[in-house]
Protein backbone atom coordinates (compact mmCIF):
# COMPACT_ATOMS: atom_id res chain seq x y z
CA MET A 1 14.80 -11.63 -5.21
CA THR A 2 15.85 -8.24 -6.61
CA GLU A 3 19.02 -9.57 -8.23
CA GLY A 4 20.18 -12.37 -10.49
CA PRO A 5 18.60 -14.36 -13.32
CA LYS A 6 15.38 -15.10 -11.36
CA TYR A 7 14.60 -11.43 -11.05
CA ALA A 8 15.54 -10.74 -14.68
CA TYR A 9 13.27 -13.53 -15.89
CA GLN A 10 10.38 -12.18 -13.83
CA LEU A 11 10.90 -8.66 -15.14
CA ILE A 12 10.90 -9.87 -18.77
CA ARG A 13 7.87 -12.08 -18.22
CA ASN A 14 5.83 -9.33 -16.57
CA THR A 15 6.77 -6.82 -19.26
CA LEU A 16 5.89 -9.24 -22.06
CA ARG A 17 2.47 -9.87 -20.53
CA LEU A 18 1.60 -6.41 -21.78
CA THR A 19 2.12 -7.38 -25.41
CA ASN A 20 -1.16 -9.30 -25.64
CA ASP A 21 -4.28 -7.90 -27.29
CA LYS A 22 -5.78 -6.84 -23.97
CA TYR A 23 -3.08 -4.23 -23.39
CA SER A 24 -2.22 -3.34 -27.03
CA PHE A 25 1.36 -2.65 -25.96
CA ASP A 26 3.06 -0.23 -28.33
CA PHE A 27 6.17 0.75 -26.32
CA GLU A 28 5.17 4.44 -26.17
CA VAL A 29 6.62 6.08 -23.07
CA VAL A 30 5.56 9.05 -20.95
CA GLY A 31 7.36 11.14 -18.36
CA VAL A 32 6.23 11.55 -14.76
CA LEU A 33 7.73 14.43 -12.74
CA VAL A 34 7.51 13.72 -9.01
CA GLY A 35 8.13 15.82 -5.90
CA PRO A 36 9.01 19.49 -5.47
CA SER A 37 12.19 19.06 -7.51
CA GLY A 38 10.37 17.28 -10.32
CA GLU A 39 12.40 14.07 -10.40
CA LYS A 40 11.64 12.44 -13.78
CA PHE A 41 10.54 8.87 -14.34
CA THR A 42 10.08 7.42 -17.82
CA ILE A 43 7.44 4.67 -18.02
CA HIS A 44 5.66 2.74 -20.75
CA LYS A 45 2.33 4.46 -21.19
CA THR A 46 0.29 1.28 -21.57
CA LEU A 47 1.61 -0.06 -18.31
CA LEU A 48 0.73 3.14 -16.51
CA VAL A 49 -2.79 3.72 -17.91
CA THR A 50 -3.89 0.10 -17.43
CA SER A 51 -2.98 0.32 -13.74
CA SER A 52 -3.88 3.89 -12.72
CA SER A 53 -7.30 5.39 -13.44
CA PHE A 54 -5.87 8.81 -12.64
CA CYS A 55 -3.09 8.48 -15.24
CA LYS A 56 -5.49 7.02 -17.79
CA ALA A 57 -7.72 10.10 -17.48
CA ALA A 58 -4.78 12.52 -17.50
CA LEU A 59 -3.21 11.01 -20.61
CA SER A 60 -6.35 10.87 -22.71
CA GLY A 61 -8.56 13.39 -24.40
CA ASP A 62 -7.65 17.07 -24.62
CA TRP A 63 -5.81 17.34 -21.33
CA LYS A 64 -2.48 19.18 -21.30
CA GLU A 65 -0.76 16.07 -19.93
CA ALA A 66 -1.95 14.02 -22.91
CA ALA A 67 -0.49 16.51 -25.40
CA GLU A 68 2.81 16.77 -23.56
CA LYS A 69 2.94 13.05 -22.67
CA SER A 70 3.88 14.10 -19.15
CA ILE A 71 2.30 14.05 -15.71
CA LYS A 72 3.33 16.17 -12.71
CA LEU A 73 3.00 14.93 -9.13
CA PRO A 74 4.63 17.71 -7.11
CA ASP A 75 2.97 16.76 -3.80
CA HIS A 76 4.14 13.16 -3.73
CA ASP A 77 7.35 11.46 -2.69
CA ALA A 78 9.78 10.50 -5.45
CA GLU A 79 11.10 7.50 -3.52
CA ALA A 80 7.55 6.15 -3.21
CA PHE A 81 6.93 6.64 -6.90
CA GLY A 82 10.15 4.77 -7.65
CA ILE A 83 8.73 1.87 -5.66
CA TYR A 84 5.53 2.15 -7.65
CA VAL A 85 7.41 1.99 -10.97
CA LYS A 86 9.30 -1.10 -9.90
CA TRP A 87 5.99 -2.65 -8.77
CA LEU A 88 4.44 -1.89 -12.16
CA TYR A 89 7.15 -3.89 -13.92
CA THR A 90 7.63 -6.71 -11.41
CA GLY A 91 4.50 -6.98 -9.24
CA ARG A 92 6.73 -6.74 -6.16
CA MET A 93 6.90 -3.96 -3.54
CA TYR A 94 10.42 -3.24 -2.37
CA ILE A 95 10.12 -0.88 0.59
CA THR A 96 12.74 -2.28 2.96
CA LYS A 97 16.20 -0.80 3.10
CA GLU A 98 19.18 -1.32 5.37
CA GLY A 99 19.08 0.89 8.45
CA ASP A 100 15.33 1.58 8.22
CA ASP A 101 14.64 1.03 11.89
CA SER A 102 16.16 3.35 14.45
CA THR A 103 15.67 4.62 17.96
CA GLU A 104 15.72 8.35 18.50
CA GLU A 105 16.12 10.11 21.84
CA LYS A 106 13.51 12.87 21.83
CA GLU A 107 14.03 13.82 25.47
CA PRO A 108 16.77 12.94 27.97
CA GLY A 109 16.14 9.35 29.04
CA LYS A 110 13.16 8.93 26.70
CA LYS A 111 13.64 7.12 23.43
CA LYS A 112 11.20 6.76 20.58
CA TYR A 113 11.22 3.93 18.05
CA TYR A 114 11.07 5.18 14.45
CA SER A 115 10.61 3.04 11.33
CA ARG A 116 11.50 4.63 8.01
CA GLU A 117 10.09 1.49 6.41
CA PHE A 118 6.63 2.27 7.73
CA SER A 119 6.95 5.91 6.72
CA ARG A 120 7.90 4.74 3.22
CA TRP A 121 4.90 2.38 3.27
CA LEU A 122 2.58 5.27 4.14
CA ASP A 123 3.91 7.34 1.24
CA CYS A 124 3.18 4.42 -1.08
CA TYR A 125 -0.32 3.87 0.23
CA GLN A 126 -1.21 7.54 -0.17
CA LEU A 127 0.28 7.51 -3.67
CA GLY A 128 -1.77 4.49 -4.64
CA ASP A 129 -4.93 6.21 -3.49
CA TYR A 130 -4.12 9.36 -5.44
CA LEU A 131 -3.31 7.43 -8.59
CA GLN A 132 -6.51 5.41 -8.14
CA ASP A 133 -4.65 2.12 -8.43
CA PRO A 134 -6.48 -0.40 -6.17
CA ASP A 135 -4.02 -3.18 -7.06
CA PHE A 136 -1.08 -1.16 -5.73
CA LYS A 137 -3.02 -0.38 -2.56
CA ASP A 138 -3.78 -4.09 -2.12
CA ALA A 139 -0.08 -4.83 -2.58
CA ALA A 140 0.67 -2.21 0.08
CA ILE A 141 -1.65 -3.94 2.53
CA ASP A 142 0.12 -7.24 1.83
CA SER A 143 3.43 -5.50 2.43
CA LEU A 144 2.13 -4.13 5.73
CA ILE A 145 1.01 -7.60 6.77
CA ASP A 146 4.48 -8.99 6.01
CA LEU A 147 6.04 -6.14 7.98
CA THR A 148 3.75 -6.78 10.94
CA ILE A 149 4.39 -10.54 10.91
CA GLY A 150 8.13 -9.99 10.81
CA ASP A 151 8.30 -7.39 13.54
CA LYS A 152 5.23 -8.59 15.50
CA TRP A 153 4.42 -4.89 15.85
CA TRP A 154 2.19 -2.29 14.25
CA PRO A 155 1.48 1.38 15.00
CA VAL A 156 -1.53 1.73 17.28
CA ASP A 157 -2.55 4.80 15.30
CA LEU A 158 -2.69 2.83 12.02
CA PRO A 159 -6.36 3.91 11.48
CA ASN A 160 -5.14 7.48 11.04
CA TYR A 161 -3.18 6.37 7.98
CA VAL A 162 -5.68 4.03 6.37
CA TYR A 163 -9.10 5.63 6.97
CA PRO A 164 -8.45 8.96 5.20
CA TYR A 165 -7.41 7.08 2.04
CA SER A 166 -10.11 4.42 1.90
CA THR A 167 -13.87 4.22 1.45
CA PRO A 168 -16.36 3.23 4.20
CA LYS A 169 -16.78 -0.27 2.77
CA SER A 170 -13.10 -0.82 2.02
CA PRO A 171 -11.61 -4.18 3.06
CA HIS A 172 -8.55 -2.17 4.12
CA ARG A 173 -10.62 -0.54 6.86
CA ARG A 174 -11.93 -3.93 7.89
CA PHE A 175 -8.33 -5.14 8.15
CA VAL A 176 -7.49 -2.35 10.59
CA VAL A 177 -10.61 -3.07 12.66
CA ASP A 178 -10.05 -6.85 12.64
CA LEU A 179 -6.47 -6.28 13.68
CA GLY A 180 -7.66 -4.42 16.73
CA ILE A 181 -10.44 -6.87 17.58
CA ASN A 182 -8.18 -9.91 17.37
CA CYS A 183 -4.86 -8.61 18.64
CA PHE A 184 -5.36 -5.64 20.93
CA SER A 185 -3.80 -5.91 24.37
CA LYS A 186 -4.37 -3.64 27.37
CA ASP A 187 -1.41 -1.51 26.28
CA HIS A 188 -2.93 -1.08 22.81
CA VAL A 189 -6.23 0.05 24.30
CA GLN A 190 -4.44 2.57 26.46
CA GLY A 191 -2.63 3.77 23.36
CA ILE A 192 -5.99 4.37 21.68
CA ARG A 193 -7.05 6.56 24.59
CA SER A 194 -3.98 8.75 24.20
CA ALA A 195 -4.13 9.00 20.39
CA GLU A 196 -6.59 10.88 18.25
CA MET A 197 -8.45 8.37 16.11
CA PRO A 198 -10.92 8.85 13.24
CA HIS A 199 -14.48 8.84 14.51
CA GLU A 200 -15.41 6.35 11.78
CA TYR A 201 -12.80 3.94 13.11
CA MET A 202 -14.01 4.19 16.69
CA LYS A 203 -17.56 3.50 15.52
CA ASP A 204 -16.48 0.53 13.40
CA LEU A 205 -14.39 -0.85 16.27
CA LEU A 206 -17.29 -0.56 18.69
CA VAL A 207 -19.72 -2.32 16.34
CA ALA A 208 -17.20 -5.09 15.62
CA SER A 209 -16.47 -5.57 19.32
CA TYR A 210 -20.14 -6.41 19.95
CA GLU A 211 -20.09 -8.86 17.06
CA HIS A 212 -16.98 -10.60 18.41
CA LYS A 213 -17.39 -10.45 22.20
CA GLU A 214 -15.84 -13.85 22.72
CA ILE A 215 -12.57 -12.79 21.06
CA TRP A 216 -11.96 -10.06 23.63
CA THR A 217 -11.45 -12.72 26.31
CA LYS A 218 -8.30 -13.97 24.61
CA ALA A 219 -6.27 -11.78 22.28
CA LEU A 220 -4.28 -13.67 19.64
CA SER A 221 -0.67 -12.93 18.81
CA ILE A 222 -0.33 -10.74 15.75
CA LYS A 223 1.74 -13.35 13.91
CA SER A 224 -0.62 -16.27 14.49
CA TRP A 225 -3.68 -14.24 13.54
CA LEU A 226 -2.23 -12.78 10.35
CA GLU A 227 -0.78 -16.08 9.18
CA SER A 228 -4.21 -17.67 9.49
CA LYS A 229 -5.81 -15.19 7.10
CA ASP A 230 -6.19 -15.26 3.33
CA ALA A 231 -4.59 -12.01 2.14
CA CYS A 232 -7.29 -11.49 -0.49
CA GLU A 233 -9.81 -11.11 2.35
CA TYR A 234 -8.55 -7.55 2.77
CA HIS A 235 -8.06 -6.67 -0.91
CA GLU A 236 -10.13 -4.01 -2.62
CA HIS A 237 -10.13 -5.91 -5.93
CA LYS A 238 -12.99 -7.97 -4.51
CA THR A 239 -15.16 -4.86 -4.25
CA HIS A 240 -14.32 -3.96 -7.86
CA GLY A 241 -15.04 -7.47 -9.13
CA THR A 242 -11.55 -7.87 -10.60
CA GLY A 243 -8.79 -10.42 -10.11
CA CYS A 244 -5.98 -10.18 -7.60
CA TYR A 245 -2.81 -8.40 -8.70
CA LYS A 246 -0.90 -11.57 -7.76
CA THR A 247 -2.78 -13.47 -10.45
CA LYS A 248 -1.99 -10.77 -13.00
CA TYR A 249 1.72 -11.02 -12.22
CA GLY A 250 1.67 -14.84 -12.24
CA TYR A 251 2.52 -15.46 -8.58
């Protein structure tokens, strides 16, 4: 999907969507310096400020960033921001790369599974929260669902990565809780006991378990449960009263 005429057509179509009156596209560009080394990305300003509330505030008024037409994000990952830029122009998250999954031997005879893809996903989710871009965070959740369906696996400590970057009423938190309620096995429960979890998550999980007692008698497979869900059920755009990013990009 990232190559060939189909991708080129999508890129042109999604860029041209910004030329309507709603976006007042004027082709002005701004620079974004990301990471400790300040890797520079050049992006159309209209595209950036209509997606990110943080960038909209930074590039308006009397702020230094507005005068210099530049934003600095020294504490964020440049690779994740590159994924964000591509998403801005295409509506697609490309976080998978060859050789992402690996098994590392931490101790003699003990191997630990490591997924660079998930680490990259986490960088993107944290970036979306900092930039105050709910659509990008919703896209990240969709990407996580695709990853989980494909691998039939998810990190048992997922709440540690979602809860700090979401609000109490966020559908993203409900996704994490529902995932546990519907798909936890005995091994997952034991994993919870050995991992430090956010107190808010443990409370939400306990409340949800009482509301879904019958589900605990038969855990569903991750794949069958996720494929039965409407992705928008766990999107934050519903709490903001806006349309899904998929609609905006013409999926």
